[in-house]
mmCIF file of all heavy atoms, coordinates in Angstrom:
data_MODEL
# 
_entry.id   MODEL 
# 
loop_
_atom_site.group_PDB 
_atom_site.id 
_atom_site.type_symbol 
_atom_site.label_atom_id 
_atom_site.label_alt_id 
_atom_site.label_comp_id 
_atom_site.label_asym_id 
_atom_site.label_entity_id 
_atom_site.label_seq_id 
_atom_site.pdbx_PDB_ins_code 
_atom_site.Cartn_x 
_atom_site.Cartn_y 
_atom_site.Cartn_z 
_atom_site.occupancy 
_atom_site.B_iso_or_equiv 
_atom_site.pdbx_formal_charge 
_atom_site.auth_seq_id 
_atom_site.auth_comp_id 
_atom_site.auth_asym_id 
_atom_site.auth_atom_id 
_atom_site.pdbx_PDB_model_num 
ATOM 1   N N   . SER A 1 1  ? 68.810 -48.190 6.304  1.00 0.00 ? 1  SER A N   1 
ATOM 2   C CA  . SER A 1 1  ? 69.513 -48.379 7.583  1.00 0.00 ? 1  SER A CA  1 
ATOM 3   C C   . SER A 1 1  ? 68.731 -47.595 8.623  1.00 0.00 ? 1  SER A C   1 
ATOM 4   O O   . SER A 1 1  ? 68.043 -46.619 8.312  1.00 0.00 ? 1  SER A O   1 
ATOM 5   C CB  . SER A 1 1  ? 70.956 -47.874 7.502  1.00 0.00 ? 1  SER A CB  1 
ATOM 6   O OG  . SER A 1 1  ? 70.977 -46.479 7.306  1.00 0.00 ? 1  SER A OG  1 
ATOM 7   N N   . GLY A 1 2  ? 68.765 -48.055 9.837  1.00 0.00 ? 2  GLY A N   1 
ATOM 8   C CA  . GLY A 1 2  ? 68.070 -47.396 10.922 1.00 0.00 ? 2  GLY A CA  1 
ATOM 9   C C   . GLY A 1 2  ? 66.557 -47.409 10.766 1.00 0.00 ? 2  GLY A C   1 
ATOM 10  O O   . GLY A 1 2  ? 65.883 -46.469 11.162 1.00 0.00 ? 2  GLY A O   1 
ATOM 11  N N   . ALA A 1 3  ? 66.001 -48.486 10.215 1.00 0.00 ? 3  ALA A N   1 
ATOM 12  C CA  . ALA A 1 3  ? 64.556 -48.568 9.964  1.00 0.00 ? 3  ALA A CA  1 
ATOM 13  C C   . ALA A 1 3  ? 63.785 -48.743 11.271 1.00 0.00 ? 3  ALA A C   1 
ATOM 14  O O   . ALA A 1 3  ? 64.290 -49.310 12.239 1.00 0.00 ? 3  ALA A O   1 
ATOM 15  C CB  . ALA A 1 3  ? 64.243 -49.732 9.023  1.00 0.00 ? 3  ALA A CB  1 
ATOM 16  N N   . SER A 1 4  ? 62.558 -48.225 11.259 1.00 0.00 ? 4  SER A N   1 
ATOM 17  C CA  . SER A 1 4  ? 61.662 -48.430 12.388 1.00 0.00 ? 4  SER A CA  1 
ATOM 18  C C   . SER A 1 4  ? 60.249 -48.613 11.856 1.00 0.00 ? 4  SER A C   1 
ATOM 19  O O   . SER A 1 4  ? 59.948 -48.257 10.724 1.00 0.00 ? 4  SER A O   1 
ATOM 20  C CB  . SER A 1 4  ? 61.722 -47.249 13.361 1.00 0.00 ? 4  SER A CB  1 
ATOM 21  O OG  . SER A 1 4  ? 61.200 -46.079 12.781 1.00 0.00 ? 4  SER A OG  1 
ATOM 22  N N   . ALA A 1 5  ? 59.397 -49.210 12.670 1.00 0.00 ? 5  ALA A N   1 
ATOM 23  C CA  . ALA A 1 5  ? 57.983 -49.419 12.319 1.00 0.00 ? 5  ALA A CA  1 
ATOM 24  C C   . ALA A 1 5  ? 57.128 -48.654 13.305 1.00 0.00 ? 5  ALA A C   1 
ATOM 25  O O   . ALA A 1 5  ? 57.279 -48.798 14.513 1.00 0.00 ? 5  ALA A O   1 
ATOM 26  C CB  . ALA A 1 5  ? 57.638 -50.905 12.371 1.00 0.00 ? 5  ALA A CB  1 
ATOM 27  N N   . ASP A 1 6  ? 56.263 -47.816 12.791 1.00 0.00 ? 6  ASP A N   1 
ATOM 28  C CA  . ASP A 1 6  ? 55.273 -47.126 13.603 1.00 0.00 ? 6  ASP A CA  1 
ATOM 29  C C   . ASP A 1 6  ? 53.946 -47.802 13.353 1.00 0.00 ? 6  ASP A C   1 
ATOM 30  O O   . ASP A 1 6  ? 53.608 -48.076 12.181 1.00 0.00 ? 6  ASP A O   1 
ATOM 31  C CB  . ASP A 1 6  ? 55.155 -45.647 13.208 1.00 0.00 ? 6  ASP A CB  1 
ATOM 32  C CG  . ASP A 1 6  ? 56.409 -44.861 13.550 1.00 0.00 ? 6  ASP A CG  1 
ATOM 33  O OD1 . ASP A 1 6  ? 57.027 -45.142 14.599 1.00 0.00 ? 6  ASP A OD1 1 
ATOM 34  O OD2 . ASP A 1 6  ? 56.761 -43.976 12.776 1.00 0.00 ? 6  ASP A OD2 1 
ATOM 35  N N   . PHE A 1 7  ? 53.184 -48.083 14.400 1.00 0.00 ? 7  PHE A N   1 
ATOM 36  C CA  . PHE A 1 7  ? 51.913 -48.767 14.211 1.00 0.00 ? 7  PHE A CA  1 
ATOM 37  C C   . PHE A 1 7  ? 50.953 -48.399 15.322 1.00 0.00 ? 7  PHE A C   1 
ATOM 38  O O   . PHE A 1 7  ? 51.347 -47.875 16.363 1.00 0.00 ? 7  PHE A O   1 
ATOM 39  C CB  . PHE A 1 7  ? 52.094 -50.286 14.128 1.00 0.00 ? 7  PHE A CB  1 
ATOM 40  C CG  . PHE A 1 7  ? 52.707 -50.888 15.370 1.00 0.00 ? 7  PHE A CG  1 
ATOM 41  C CD1 . PHE A 1 7  ? 51.898 -51.490 16.326 1.00 0.00 ? 7  PHE A CD1 1 
ATOM 42  C CD2 . PHE A 1 7  ? 54.066 -50.852 15.580 1.00 0.00 ? 7  PHE A CD2 1 
ATOM 43  C CE1 . PHE A 1 7  ? 52.445 -52.038 17.475 1.00 0.00 ? 7  PHE A CE1 1 
ATOM 44  C CE2 . PHE A 1 7  ? 54.633 -51.387 16.730 1.00 0.00 ? 7  PHE A CE2 1 
ATOM 45  C CZ  . PHE A 1 7  ? 53.817 -51.986 17.682 1.00 0.00 ? 7  PHE A CZ  1 
ATOM 46  N N   . TRP A 1 8  ? 49.700 -48.680 15.089 1.00 0.00 ? 8  TRP A N   1 
ATOM 47  C CA  . TRP A 1 8  ? 48.618 -48.422 16.048 1.00 0.00 ? 8  TRP A CA  1 
ATOM 48  C C   . TRP A 1 8  ? 48.073 -49.769 16.506 1.00 0.00 ? 8  TRP A C   1 
ATOM 49  O O   . TRP A 1 8  ? 47.891 -50.673 15.692 1.00 0.00 ? 8  TRP A O   1 
ATOM 50  C CB  . TRP A 1 8  ? 47.500 -47.629 15.391 1.00 0.00 ? 8  TRP A CB  1 
ATOM 51  C CG  . TRP A 1 8  ? 47.908 -46.247 15.030 1.00 0.00 ? 8  TRP A CG  1 
ATOM 52  C CD1 . TRP A 1 8  ? 48.490 -45.848 13.866 1.00 0.00 ? 8  TRP A CD1 1 
ATOM 53  C CD2 . TRP A 1 8  ? 47.785 -45.086 15.847 1.00 0.00 ? 8  TRP A CD2 1 
ATOM 54  N NE1 . TRP A 1 8  ? 48.738 -44.504 13.910 1.00 0.00 ? 8  TRP A NE1 1 
ATOM 55  C CE2 . TRP A 1 8  ? 48.308 -44.006 15.113 1.00 0.00 ? 8  TRP A CE2 1 
ATOM 56  C CE3 . TRP A 1 8  ? 47.281 -44.850 17.112 1.00 0.00 ? 8  TRP A CE3 1 
ATOM 57  C CZ2 . TRP A 1 8  ? 48.340 -42.717 15.616 1.00 0.00 ? 8  TRP A CZ2 1 
ATOM 58  C CZ3 . TRP A 1 8  ? 47.296 -43.559 17.604 1.00 0.00 ? 8  TRP A CZ3 1 
ATOM 59  C CH2 . TRP A 1 8  ? 47.824 -42.513 16.865 1.00 0.00 ? 8  TRP A CH2 1 
ATOM 60  N N   . ALA A 1 9  ? 47.779 -49.892 17.778 1.00 0.00 ? 9  ALA A N   1 
ATOM 61  C CA  . ALA A 1 9  ? 47.230 -51.134 18.307 1.00 0.00 ? 9  ALA A CA  1 
ATOM 62  C C   . ALA A 1 9  ? 46.278 -50.829 19.453 1.00 0.00 ? 9  ALA A C   1 
ATOM 63  O O   . ALA A 1 9  ? 46.356 -49.783 20.092 1.00 0.00 ? 9  ALA A O   1 
ATOM 64  C CB  . ALA A 1 9  ? 48.346 -52.070 18.778 1.00 0.00 ? 9  ALA A CB  1 
ATOM 65  N N   . ARG A 1 10 ? 45.387 -51.762 19.704 1.00 0.00 ? 10 ARG A N   1 
ATOM 66  C CA  . ARG A 1 10 ? 44.431 -51.657 20.812 1.00 0.00 ? 10 ARG A CA  1 
ATOM 67  C C   . ARG A 1 10 ? 43.991 -53.051 21.205 1.00 0.00 ? 10 ARG A C   1 
ATOM 68  O O   . ARG A 1 10 ? 44.269 -54.024 20.511 1.00 0.00 ? 10 ARG A O   1 
ATOM 69  C CB  . ARG A 1 10 ? 43.223 -50.819 20.409 1.00 0.00 ? 10 ARG A CB  1 
ATOM 70  C CG  . ARG A 1 10 ? 42.341 -51.528 19.384 1.00 0.00 ? 10 ARG A CG  1 
ATOM 71  C CD  . ARG A 1 10 ? 41.137 -50.755 18.958 1.00 0.00 ? 10 ARG A CD  1 
ATOM 72  N NE  . ARG A 1 10 ? 40.149 -50.706 20.027 1.00 0.00 ? 10 ARG A NE  1 
ATOM 73  C CZ  . ARG A 1 10 ? 38.895 -50.351 19.836 1.00 0.00 ? 10 ARG A CZ  1 
ATOM 74  N NH1 . ARG A 1 10 ? 38.466 -50.014 18.642 1.00 0.00 ? 10 ARG A NH1 1 
ATOM 75  N NH2 . ARG A 1 10 ? 38.051 -50.335 20.830 1.00 0.00 ? 10 ARG A NH2 1 
ATOM 76  N N   . SER A 1 11 ? 43.291 -53.153 22.312 1.00 0.00 ? 11 SER A N   1 
ATOM 77  C CA  . SER A 1 11 ? 42.665 -54.420 22.672 1.00 0.00 ? 11 SER A CA  1 
ATOM 78  C C   . SER A 1 11 ? 41.159 -54.218 22.673 1.00 0.00 ? 11 SER A C   1 
ATOM 79  O O   . SER A 1 11 ? 40.662 -53.103 22.838 1.00 0.00 ? 11 SER A O   1 
ATOM 80  C CB  . SER A 1 11 ? 43.164 -54.935 24.025 1.00 0.00 ? 11 SER A CB  1 
ATOM 81  O OG  . SER A 1 11 ? 42.911 -54.001 25.050 1.00 0.00 ? 11 SER A OG  1 
ATOM 82  N N   . VAL A 1 12 ? 40.451 -55.312 22.478 1.00 0.00 ? 12 VAL A N   1 
ATOM 83  C CA  . VAL A 1 12 ? 38.985 -55.303 22.438 1.00 0.00 ? 12 VAL A CA  1 
ATOM 84  C C   . VAL A 1 12 ? 38.486 -56.369 23.396 1.00 0.00 ? 12 VAL A C   1 
ATOM 85  O O   . VAL A 1 12 ? 38.973 -57.508 23.389 1.00 0.00 ? 12 VAL A O   1 
ATOM 86  C CB  . VAL A 1 12 ? 38.463 -55.567 21.004 1.00 0.00 ? 12 VAL A CB  1 
ATOM 87  C CG1 . VAL A 1 12 ? 36.949 -55.660 20.978 1.00 0.00 ? 12 VAL A CG1 1 
ATOM 88  C CG2 . VAL A 1 12 ? 38.948 -54.479 20.059 1.00 0.00 ? 12 VAL A CG2 1 
ATOM 89  N N   . LYS A 1 13 ? 37.516 -56.012 24.230 1.00 0.00 ? 13 LYS A N   1 
ATOM 90  C CA  . LYS A 1 13 ? 36.922 -56.942 25.203 1.00 0.00 ? 13 LYS A CA  1 
ATOM 91  C C   . LYS A 1 13 ? 36.419 -58.184 24.495 1.00 0.00 ? 13 LYS A C   1 
ATOM 92  O O   . LYS A 1 13 ? 35.727 -58.109 23.476 1.00 0.00 ? 13 LYS A O   1 
ATOM 93  C CB  . LYS A 1 13 ? 35.770 -56.261 25.944 1.00 0.00 ? 13 LYS A CB  1 
ATOM 94  C CG  . LYS A 1 13 ? 35.075 -57.148 26.967 1.00 0.00 ? 13 LYS A CG  1 
ATOM 95  C CD  . LYS A 1 13 ? 35.636 -56.921 28.326 1.00 0.00 ? 13 LYS A CD  1 
ATOM 96  C CE  . LYS A 1 13 ? 34.833 -57.669 29.363 1.00 0.00 ? 13 LYS A CE  1 
ATOM 97  N NZ  . LYS A 1 13 ? 35.684 -58.409 30.249 1.00 0.00 ? 13 LYS A NZ  1 
ATOM 98  N N   . ASN A 1 14 ? 36.770 -59.350 25.017 1.00 0.00 ? 14 ASN A N   1 
ATOM 99  C CA  . ASN A 1 14 ? 36.399 -60.632 24.448 1.00 0.00 ? 14 ASN A CA  1 
ATOM 100 C C   . ASN A 1 14 ? 35.783 -61.487 25.551 1.00 0.00 ? 14 ASN A C   1 
ATOM 101 O O   . ASN A 1 14 ? 36.496 -62.026 26.383 1.00 0.00 ? 14 ASN A O   1 
ATOM 102 C CB  . ASN A 1 14 ? 37.634 -61.314 23.842 1.00 0.00 ? 14 ASN A CB  1 
ATOM 103 C CG  . ASN A 1 14 ? 37.318 -62.643 23.221 1.00 0.00 ? 14 ASN A CG  1 
ATOM 104 O OD1 . ASN A 1 14 ? 36.179 -62.939 22.883 1.00 0.00 ? 14 ASN A OD1 1 
ATOM 105 N ND2 . ASN A 1 14 ? 38.340 -63.449 23.040 1.00 0.00 ? 14 ASN A ND2 1 
ATOM 106 N N   . SER A 1 15 ? 34.493 -61.556 25.602 1.00 0.00 ? 15 SER A N   1 
ATOM 107 C CA  . SER A 1 15 ? 33.766 -62.368 26.566 1.00 0.00 ? 15 SER A CA  1 
ATOM 108 C C   . SER A 1 15 ? 34.014 -61.868 27.992 1.00 0.00 ? 15 SER A C   1 
ATOM 109 O O   . SER A 1 15 ? 34.173 -60.678 28.201 1.00 0.00 ? 15 SER A O   1 
ATOM 110 C CB  . SER A 1 15 ? 34.097 -63.850 26.399 1.00 0.00 ? 15 SER A CB  1 
ATOM 111 O OG  . SER A 1 15 ? 33.165 -64.638 27.086 1.00 0.00 ? 15 SER A OG  1 
ATOM 112 N N   . THR A 1 16 ? 34.093 -62.778 28.952 1.00 0.00 ? 16 THR A N   1 
ATOM 113 C CA  . THR A 1 16 ? 34.131 -62.368 30.359 1.00 0.00 ? 16 THR A CA  1 
ATOM 114 C C   . THR A 1 16 ? 35.472 -62.557 31.042 1.00 0.00 ? 16 THR A C   1 
ATOM 115 O O   . THR A 1 16 ? 35.592 -62.291 32.234 1.00 0.00 ? 16 THR A O   1 
ATOM 116 C CB  . THR A 1 16 ? 33.068 -63.161 31.158 1.00 0.00 ? 16 THR A CB  1 
ATOM 117 O OG1 . THR A 1 16 ? 33.389 -64.547 31.044 1.00 0.00 ? 16 THR A OG1 1 
ATOM 118 C CG2 . THR A 1 16 ? 31.679 -62.888 30.638 1.00 0.00 ? 16 THR A CG2 1 
ATOM 119 N N   . GLY A 1 17 ? 36.468 -63.005 30.334 1.00 0.00 ? 17 GLY A N   1 
ATOM 120 C CA  . GLY A 1 17 ? 37.761 -63.247 30.970 1.00 0.00 ? 17 GLY A CA  1 
ATOM 121 C C   . GLY A 1 17 ? 38.511 -61.980 31.329 1.00 0.00 ? 17 GLY A C   1 
ATOM 122 O O   . GLY A 1 17 ? 38.127 -60.869 30.950 1.00 0.00 ? 17 GLY A O   1 
ATOM 123 N N   . THR A 1 18 ? 39.598 -62.164 32.064 1.00 0.00 ? 18 THR A N   1 
ATOM 124 C CA  . THR A 1 18 ? 40.433 -61.034 32.489 1.00 0.00 ? 18 THR A CA  1 
ATOM 125 C C   . THR A 1 18 ? 41.854 -61.156 31.947 1.00 0.00 ? 18 THR A C   1 
ATOM 126 O O   . THR A 1 18 ? 42.743 -60.429 32.378 1.00 0.00 ? 18 THR A O   1 
ATOM 127 C CB  . THR A 1 18 ? 40.488 -60.960 34.021 1.00 0.00 ? 18 THR A CB  1 
ATOM 128 O OG1 . THR A 1 18 ? 41.040 -62.187 34.524 1.00 0.00 ? 18 THR A OG1 1 
ATOM 129 C CG2 . THR A 1 18 ? 39.114 -60.710 34.620 1.00 0.00 ? 18 THR A CG2 1 
ATOM 130 N N   . ARG A 1 19 ? 42.071 -62.061 31.020 1.00 0.00 ? 19 ARG A N   1 
ATOM 131 C CA  . ARG A 1 19 ? 43.419 -62.379 30.563 1.00 0.00 ? 19 ARG A CA  1 
ATOM 132 C C   . ARG A 1 19 ? 43.899 -61.418 29.460 1.00 0.00 ? 19 ARG A C   1 
ATOM 133 O O   . ARG A 1 19 ? 43.267 -61.297 28.432 1.00 0.00 ? 19 ARG A O   1 
ATOM 134 C CB  . ARG A 1 19 ? 43.437 -63.807 30.046 1.00 0.00 ? 19 ARG A CB  1 
ATOM 135 C CG  . ARG A 1 19 ? 44.804 -64.396 29.893 1.00 0.00 ? 19 ARG A CG  1 
ATOM 136 C CD  . ARG A 1 19 ? 44.722 -65.833 29.394 1.00 0.00 ? 19 ARG A CD  1 
ATOM 137 N NE  . ARG A 1 19 ? 43.923 -66.712 30.216 1.00 0.00 ? 19 ARG A NE  1 
ATOM 138 C CZ  . ARG A 1 19 ? 44.388 -67.421 31.242 1.00 0.00 ? 19 ARG A CZ  1 
ATOM 139 N NH1 . ARG A 1 19 ? 45.647 -67.334 31.573 1.00 0.00 ? 19 ARG A NH1 1 
ATOM 140 N NH2 . ARG A 1 19 ? 43.603 -68.208 31.925 1.00 0.00 ? 19 ARG A NH2 1 
ATOM 141 N N   . PRO A 1 20 ? 45.043 -60.751 29.670 1.00 0.00 ? 20 PRO A N   1 
ATOM 142 C CA  . PRO A 1 20 ? 45.580 -59.894 28.616 1.00 0.00 ? 20 PRO A CA  1 
ATOM 143 C C   . PRO A 1 20 ? 46.292 -60.699 27.524 1.00 0.00 ? 20 PRO A C   1 
ATOM 144 O O   . PRO A 1 20 ? 46.663 -61.853 27.739 1.00 0.00 ? 20 PRO A O   1 
ATOM 145 C CB  . PRO A 1 20 ? 46.587 -58.999 29.348 1.00 0.00 ? 20 PRO A CB  1 
ATOM 146 C CG  . PRO A 1 20 ? 46.860 -59.652 30.643 1.00 0.00 ? 20 PRO A CG  1 
ATOM 147 C CD  . PRO A 1 20 ? 45.781 -60.636 30.916 1.00 0.00 ? 20 PRO A CD  1 
ATOM 148 N N   . ALA A 1 21 ? 46.452 -60.070 26.364 1.00 0.00 ? 21 ALA A N   1 
ATOM 149 C CA  . ALA A 1 21 ? 47.271 -60.632 25.290 1.00 0.00 ? 21 ALA A CA  1 
ATOM 150 C C   . ALA A 1 21 ? 48.684 -60.058 25.435 1.00 0.00 ? 21 ALA A C   1 
ATOM 151 O O   . ALA A 1 21 ? 48.860 -58.918 25.868 1.00 0.00 ? 21 ALA A O   1 
ATOM 152 C CB  . ALA A 1 21 ? 46.703 -60.272 23.934 1.00 0.00 ? 21 ALA A CB  1 
ATOM 153 N N   . ILE A 1 22 ? 49.681 -60.847 25.095 1.00 0.00 ? 22 ILE A N   1 
ATOM 154 C CA  . ILE A 1 22 ? 51.081 -60.417 25.125 1.00 0.00 ? 22 ILE A CA  1 
ATOM 155 C C   . ILE A 1 22 ? 51.554 -60.339 23.674 1.00 0.00 ? 22 ILE A C   1 
ATOM 156 O O   . ILE A 1 22 ? 51.430 -61.312 22.928 1.00 0.00 ? 22 ILE A O   1 
ATOM 157 C CB  . ILE A 1 22 ? 51.960 -61.411 25.918 1.00 0.00 ? 22 ILE A CB  1 
ATOM 158 C CG1 . ILE A 1 22 ? 51.412 -61.618 27.329 1.00 0.00 ? 22 ILE A CG1 1 
ATOM 159 C CG2 . ILE A 1 22 ? 53.410 -60.959 25.921 1.00 0.00 ? 22 ILE A CG2 1 
ATOM 160 C CD1 . ILE A 1 22 ? 51.382 -60.390 28.194 1.00 0.00 ? 22 ILE A CD1 1 
ATOM 161 N N   . VAL A 1 23 ? 52.086 -59.180 23.281 1.00 0.00 ? 23 VAL A N   1 
ATOM 162 C CA  . VAL A 1 23 ? 52.523 -58.964 21.909 1.00 0.00 ? 23 VAL A CA  1 
ATOM 163 C C   . VAL A 1 23 ? 54.040 -58.812 21.889 1.00 0.00 ? 23 VAL A C   1 
ATOM 164 O O   . VAL A 1 23 ? 54.604 -58.005 22.612 1.00 0.00 ? 23 VAL A O   1 
ATOM 165 C CB  . VAL A 1 23 ? 51.862 -57.699 21.312 1.00 0.00 ? 23 VAL A CB  1 
ATOM 166 C CG1 . VAL A 1 23 ? 52.339 -57.464 19.880 1.00 0.00 ? 23 VAL A CG1 1 
ATOM 167 C CG2 . VAL A 1 23 ? 50.345 -57.818 21.372 1.00 0.00 ? 23 VAL A CG2 1 
ATOM 168 N N   . LYS A 1 24 ? 54.689 -59.643 21.047 1.00 0.00 ? 24 LYS A N   1 
ATOM 169 C CA  . LYS A 1 24 ? 56.148 -59.591 20.912 1.00 0.00 ? 24 LYS A CA  1 
ATOM 170 C C   . LYS A 1 24 ? 56.530 -59.520 19.439 1.00 0.00 ? 24 LYS A C   1 
ATOM 171 O O   . LYS A 1 24 ? 55.854 -60.099 18.595 1.00 0.00 ? 24 LYS A O   1 
ATOM 172 C CB  . LYS A 1 24 ? 56.784 -60.835 21.549 1.00 0.00 ? 24 LYS A CB  1 
ATOM 173 C CG  . LYS A 1 24 ? 56.589 -60.915 23.045 1.00 0.00 ? 24 LYS A CG  1 
ATOM 174 C CD  . LYS A 1 24 ? 57.229 -62.153 23.631 1.00 0.00 ? 24 LYS A CD  1 
ATOM 175 C CE  . LYS A 1 24 ? 56.986 -62.208 25.139 1.00 0.00 ? 24 LYS A CE  1 
ATOM 176 N NZ  . LYS A 1 24 ? 57.531 -63.438 25.726 1.00 0.00 ? 24 LYS A NZ  1 
ATOM 177 N N   . PHE A 1 25 ? 57.614 -58.796 19.163 1.00 0.00 ? 25 PHE A N   1 
ATOM 178 C CA  . PHE A 1 25 ? 58.170 -58.703 17.819 1.00 0.00 ? 25 PHE A CA  1 
ATOM 179 C C   . PHE A 1 25 ? 59.510 -59.415 17.782 1.00 0.00 ? 25 PHE A C   1 
ATOM 180 O O   . PHE A 1 25 ? 60.287 -59.356 18.741 1.00 0.00 ? 25 PHE A O   1 
ATOM 181 C CB  . PHE A 1 25 ? 58.406 -57.237 17.436 1.00 0.00 ? 25 PHE A CB  1 
ATOM 182 C CG  . PHE A 1 25 ? 57.170 -56.488 16.993 1.00 0.00 ? 25 PHE A CG  1 
ATOM 183 C CD1 . PHE A 1 25 ? 55.894 -56.947 17.203 1.00 0.00 ? 25 PHE A CD1 1 
ATOM 184 C CD2 . PHE A 1 25 ? 57.313 -55.274 16.353 1.00 0.00 ? 25 PHE A CD2 1 
ATOM 185 C CE1 . PHE A 1 25 ? 54.781 -56.238 16.791 1.00 0.00 ? 25 PHE A CE1 1 
ATOM 186 C CE2 . PHE A 1 25 ? 56.212 -54.540 15.938 1.00 0.00 ? 25 PHE A CE2 1 
ATOM 187 C CZ  . PHE A 1 25 ? 54.939 -55.025 16.156 1.00 0.00 ? 25 PHE A CZ  1 
ATOM 188 N N   . TYR A 1 26 ? 59.773 -60.070 16.667 1.00 0.00 ? 26 TYR A N   1 
ATOM 189 C CA  . TYR A 1 26 ? 61.045 -60.732 16.392 1.00 0.00 ? 26 TYR A CA  1 
ATOM 190 C C   . TYR A 1 26 ? 61.455 -60.340 14.974 1.00 0.00 ? 26 TYR A C   1 
ATOM 191 O O   . TYR A 1 26 ? 60.601 -60.039 14.148 1.00 0.00 ? 26 TYR A O   1 
ATOM 192 C CB  . TYR A 1 26 ? 60.905 -62.258 16.409 1.00 0.00 ? 26 TYR A CB  1 
ATOM 193 C CG  . TYR A 1 26 ? 60.361 -62.856 17.671 1.00 0.00 ? 26 TYR A CG  1 
ATOM 194 C CD1 . TYR A 1 26 ? 58.996 -62.887 17.929 1.00 0.00 ? 26 TYR A CD1 1 
ATOM 195 C CD2 . TYR A 1 26 ? 61.211 -63.445 18.595 1.00 0.00 ? 26 TYR A CD2 1 
ATOM 196 C CE1 . TYR A 1 26 ? 58.487 -63.472 19.084 1.00 0.00 ? 26 TYR A CE1 1 
ATOM 197 C CE2 . TYR A 1 26 ? 60.710 -64.045 19.756 1.00 0.00 ? 26 TYR A CE2 1 
ATOM 198 C CZ  . TYR A 1 26 ? 59.347 -64.046 19.989 1.00 0.00 ? 26 TYR A CZ  1 
ATOM 199 O OH  . TYR A 1 26 ? 58.843 -64.626 21.128 1.00 0.00 ? 26 TYR A OH  1 
ATOM 200 N N   . THR A 1 27 ? 62.753 -60.385 14.685 1.00 0.00 ? 27 THR A N   1 
ATOM 201 C CA  . THR A 1 27 ? 63.206 -60.158 13.313 1.00 0.00 ? 27 THR A CA  1 
ATOM 202 C C   . THR A 1 27 ? 64.084 -61.321 12.878 1.00 0.00 ? 27 THR A C   1 
ATOM 203 O O   . THR A 1 27 ? 64.690 -62.021 13.692 1.00 0.00 ? 27 THR A O   1 
ATOM 204 C CB  . THR A 1 27 ? 64.010 -58.843 13.176 1.00 0.00 ? 27 THR A CB  1 
ATOM 205 O OG1 . THR A 1 27 ? 65.132 -58.887 14.060 1.00 0.00 ? 27 THR A OG1 1 
ATOM 206 C CG2 . THR A 1 27 ? 63.140 -57.646 13.484 1.00 0.00 ? 27 THR A CG2 1 
# 
């Protein structure tokens, strides 16, 4: 009960665009 997830994340440059990634969690 009362579980949580701890995690590490980053972004890495991909070519010449300026578009960010959007990250969402669902259960």
